[in-house]
Amino acid sequence: MALAAVALVGLTACDGPDPNNLETYYDDPVTTSAPAPAPAEARVSQPQAAPERPAVPDLGPLAERALLTDADVAAEDVQPGSSEVSGCLADGPSVGNRTATWRYPSGSVLIHRVLAFPDSSAAQAVEESVCAGKTVSVPVQPGVELQRAWCDGKICTVMLAKGSLVSELTVSASTETRAVDAAKRLLPAMTAKLTAQP
């Protein structure tokens, strides 16, 4: 009886598939799929840093030193004033400018502007400037790279360029002759202040 029970237990234990029996072991193979390949890591593009531009120097102090002062125009018998009269040269890409204005007892006006341009492009700025009126002749100034002069009626403008600076004098007078004469008288002072700058 005990032997029969042991045989029954042995048969019961063998009910499942025999791992050593190749006929039953592969009856119901477990389907396994190969793991999907991991997606390639997406490349995260780092924003490219813009190349640093060199800082544009502040040339305002340089322009200030080339500006005519009250002492420079004292012989003209003028007083500091203000006016809407402007010169020929637009500010354009200037990186610093200074302006001084004086008025004659007659009402005529002097305006002196000094504009600073980067990369020593002052002569190019003068070359490309457009001023209404006709070209006039004034004495050639030593030490400047380029000079130009125009008169439009009773308003005359003279521009001198050297390095980074343009010195521009505009005279509004009762006649063209008086405007030109005033510009000629002030040219040496303009030139001295301009050419003294590096």
Protein backbone atom coordinates (compact mmCIF):
# COMPACT_ATOMS: atom_id res chain seq x y z
CA MET A 1 0.00 0.00 0.00
CA ALA A 2 2.81 2.33 0.90
CA LEU A 3 4.52 1.40 -2.31
CA ALA A 4 1.44 2.30 -4.32
CA ALA A 5 1.24 5.69 -2.62
CA VAL A 6 4.87 6.43 -3.42
CA ALA A 7 4.28 5.46 -7.02
CA LEU A 8 1.22 7.71 -7.18
CA VAL A 9 3.19 10.66 -5.77
CA GLY A 10 5.92 9.97 -8.26
CA LEU A 11 3.46 9.93 -11.14
CA THR A 12 1.81 13.11 -9.91
CA ALA A 13 5.14 14.86 -9.72
CA CYS A 14 5.82 13.91 -13.32
CA ASP A 15 2.55 15.30 -14.67
CA GLY A 16 4.22 18.49 -15.86
CA PRO A 17 6.56 18.69 -18.81
CA ASP A 18 9.86 17.02 -18.31
CA PRO A 19 12.60 19.52 -18.83
CA ASN A 20 14.74 16.75 -20.23
CA ASN A 21 12.05 15.61 -22.69
CA LEU A 22 12.58 17.62 -25.84
CA GLU A 23 9.19 16.56 -27.23
CA THR A 24 7.26 18.19 -24.40
CA TYR A 25 9.66 20.96 -23.43
CA TYR A 26 9.17 22.94 -26.63
CA ASP A 27 5.41 22.30 -27.02
CA ASP A 28 4.48 25.78 -25.85
CA PRO A 29 7.54 27.89 -26.24
CA VAL A 30 7.34 31.23 -24.60
CA THR A 31 7.57 33.84 -27.31
CA THR A 32 10.08 36.43 -26.45
CA SER A 33 10.74 39.37 -28.62
CA ALA A 34 14.12 40.92 -28.79
CA PRO A 35 14.17 44.17 -26.91
CA ALA A 36 13.58 47.10 -29.21
CA PRO A 37 16.76 48.95 -29.81
CA ALA A 38 17.00 51.96 -27.61
CA PRO A 39 16.31 55.10 -29.60
CA ALA A 40 19.38 57.01 -30.39
CA GLU A 41 19.81 59.84 -28.00
CA ALA A 42 18.45 62.97 -29.50
CA ARG A 43 21.18 65.48 -29.90
CA VAL A 44 20.33 68.55 -27.96
CA SER A 45 21.76 71.45 -29.87
CA GLN A 46 23.24 73.97 -27.59
CA PRO A 47 22.57 77.54 -28.68
CA GLN A 48 25.68 78.95 -30.23
CA ALA A 49 26.92 81.92 -28.33
CA ALA A 50 27.19 84.95 -30.58
CA PRO A 51 30.78 86.03 -31.00
CA GLU A 52 31.52 88.88 -28.69
CA ARG A 53 31.92 92.19 -30.46
CA PRO A 54 34.62 94.41 -29.15
CA ALA A 55 33.18 97.21 -27.11
CA VAL A 56 32.86 100.44 -29.02
CA PRO A 57 35.01 103.00 -27.24
CA ASP A 58 33.37 106.14 -25.94
CA LEU A 59 34.92 108.83 -28.12
CA GLY A 60 32.83 111.59 -26.58
CA PRO A 61 35.71 112.94 -24.47
CA LEU A 62 37.90 113.05 -27.60
CA ALA A 63 35.20 115.03 -29.41
CA GLU A 64 34.91 117.33 -26.41
CA ARG A 65 38.60 118.24 -26.58
CA ALA A 66 38.31 119.14 -30.29
CA LEU A 67 35.29 121.39 -29.75
CA LEU A 68 35.75 125.14 -30.00
CA THR A 69 35.32 126.99 -26.71
CA ASP A 70 34.15 130.50 -25.85
CA ALA A 71 37.82 131.53 -25.68
CA ASP A 72 38.44 130.20 -29.21
CA VAL A 73 35.66 132.38 -30.69
CA ALA A 74 36.07 135.42 -28.43
CA ALA A 75 37.46 137.54 -31.30
CA GLU A 76 34.16 137.04 -33.15
CA ASP A 77 32.30 139.05 -30.48
CA VAL A 78 29.70 136.31 -30.04
CA GLN A 79 27.70 135.08 -27.09
CA PRO A 80 26.69 131.48 -26.31
CA GLY A 81 23.30 130.77 -27.80
CA SER A 82 21.12 128.17 -29.44
CA SER A 83 19.77 127.73 -32.93
CA GLU A 84 17.90 125.33 -35.16
CA VAL A 85 20.53 125.69 -37.89
CA SER A 86 22.21 122.32 -38.40
CA GLY A 87 25.17 121.16 -40.41
CA CYS A 88 25.46 118.96 -43.48
CA LEU A 89 26.68 115.81 -41.83
CA ALA A 90 24.08 113.49 -40.39
CA ASP A 91 25.15 111.82 -37.16
CA GLY A 92 25.14 108.42 -38.91
CA PRO A 93 27.18 105.83 -37.07
CA SER A 94 28.98 108.36 -34.90
CA VAL A 95 29.81 107.12 -31.42
CA GLY A 96 30.14 110.49 -29.79
CA ASN A 97 29.46 114.11 -30.66
CA ARG A 98 29.60 117.52 -29.07
CA THR A 99 27.98 120.78 -30.18
CA ALA A 100 28.51 124.42 -29.25
CA THR A 101 26.50 127.39 -30.55
CA TRP A 102 27.11 131.14 -30.47
CA ARG A 103 25.20 134.16 -31.71
CA TYR A 104 26.54 137.42 -33.17
CA PRO A 105 24.98 140.75 -32.12
CA SER A 106 23.59 140.94 -35.67
CA GLY A 107 21.71 137.67 -35.19
CA SER A 108 24.10 135.57 -37.25
CA VAL A 109 24.85 132.15 -35.79
CA LEU A 110 27.92 129.93 -35.37
CA ILE A 111 27.49 126.23 -34.75
CA HIS A 112 30.46 123.97 -34.18
CA ARG A 113 30.00 120.22 -34.00
CA VAL A 114 32.60 117.53 -33.49
CA LEU A 115 31.53 114.00 -34.33
CA ALA A 116 33.50 110.86 -33.49
CA PHE A 117 33.38 107.81 -35.74
CA PRO A 118 34.66 104.29 -35.01
CA ASP A 119 37.48 102.70 -36.96
CA SER A 120 38.99 106.04 -37.98
CA SER A 121 36.27 106.46 -40.60
CA ALA A 122 35.86 110.23 -40.26
CA ALA A 123 37.29 111.02 -43.70
CA GLN A 124 34.91 108.50 -45.26
CA ALA A 125 31.97 110.14 -43.47
CA VAL A 126 32.97 113.51 -44.90
CA GLU A 127 33.54 112.03 -48.36
CA GLU A 128 30.04 110.52 -48.35
CA SER A 129 28.30 113.57 -46.87
CA VAL A 130 25.82 115.52 -48.95
CA CYS A 131 25.35 119.21 -48.38
CA ALA A 132 22.98 121.48 -50.25
CA GLY A 133 24.40 124.39 -52.20
CA LYS A 134 27.65 124.95 -54.01
CA THR A 135 31.20 124.06 -53.15
CA VAL A 136 33.28 127.01 -52.00
CA SER A 137 37.01 127.49 -51.64
CA VAL A 138 38.59 128.00 -48.23
CA PRO A 139 42.28 127.83 -47.28
CA VAL A 140 43.64 124.29 -47.15
CA GLN A 141 44.34 123.30 -43.56
CA PRO A 142 47.54 121.45 -42.66
CA GLY A 143 47.33 118.13 -40.81
CA VAL A 144 43.79 117.19 -41.81
CA GLU A 145 42.93 114.17 -43.94
CA LEU A 146 40.02 115.75 -45.82
CA GLN A 147 38.24 119.08 -45.91
CA ARG A 148 35.14 120.25 -47.72
CA ALA A 149 33.14 123.47 -47.76
CA TRP A 150 29.72 124.46 -49.12
CA CYS A 151 27.41 127.45 -49.11
CA ASP A 152 23.65 127.30 -49.48
CA GLY A 153 22.54 130.89 -49.71
CA LYS A 154 23.63 132.61 -46.50
CA ILE A 155 24.51 129.36 -44.67
CA CYS A 156 28.02 128.01 -45.12
CA THR A 157 29.53 124.82 -43.74
CA VAL A 158 33.12 123.68 -43.49
CA MET A 159 34.12 120.13 -42.52
CA LEU A 160 37.55 118.86 -41.53
CA ALA A 161 38.33 115.18 -40.94
CA LYS A 162 41.21 113.54 -39.11
CA GLY A 163 41.34 110.04 -37.65
CA SER A 164 38.08 109.36 -35.83
CA LEU A 165 36.88 112.98 -35.75
CA VAL A 166 34.96 115.31 -38.01
CA SER A 167 34.98 119.00 -37.09
CA GLU A 168 32.03 120.78 -38.70
CA LEU A 169 31.45 124.54 -38.56
CA THR A 170 28.22 126.06 -39.83
CA VAL A 171 27.82 129.82 -40.13
CA SER A 172 24.48 131.45 -40.82
CA ALA A 173 25.01 135.13 -41.68
CA SER A 174 23.26 137.99 -43.44
CA THR A 175 25.20 137.27 -46.66
CA GLU A 176 27.18 134.38 -48.12
CA THR A 177 30.34 136.50 -48.12
CA ARG A 178 30.06 137.19 -44.39
CA ALA A 179 29.43 133.53 -43.67
CA VAL A 180 32.48 132.43 -45.67
CA ASP A 181 34.65 135.10 -44.08
CA ALA A 182 33.67 134.00 -40.57
CA ALA A 183 34.42 130.37 -41.46
CA LYS A 184 37.85 131.34 -42.81
CA ARG A 185 38.67 133.23 -39.63
CA LEU A 186 37.75 130.23 -37.44
CA LEU A 187 39.41 127.55 -39.56
CA PRO A 188 42.86 127.85 -37.88
CA ALA A 189 41.33 127.38 -34.42
CA MET A 190 39.25 124.43 -35.64
CA THR A 191 42.32 122.84 -37.21
CA ALA A 192 44.49 123.35 -34.14
CA LYS A 193 41.94 121.68 -31.86
CA LEU A 194 41.35 118.82 -34.30
CA THR A 195 44.96 118.00 -35.12
CA ALA A 196 45.92 118.06 -31.43
CA GLN A 197 43.82 114.91 -30.90
CA PRO A 198 45.37 111.46 -31.35
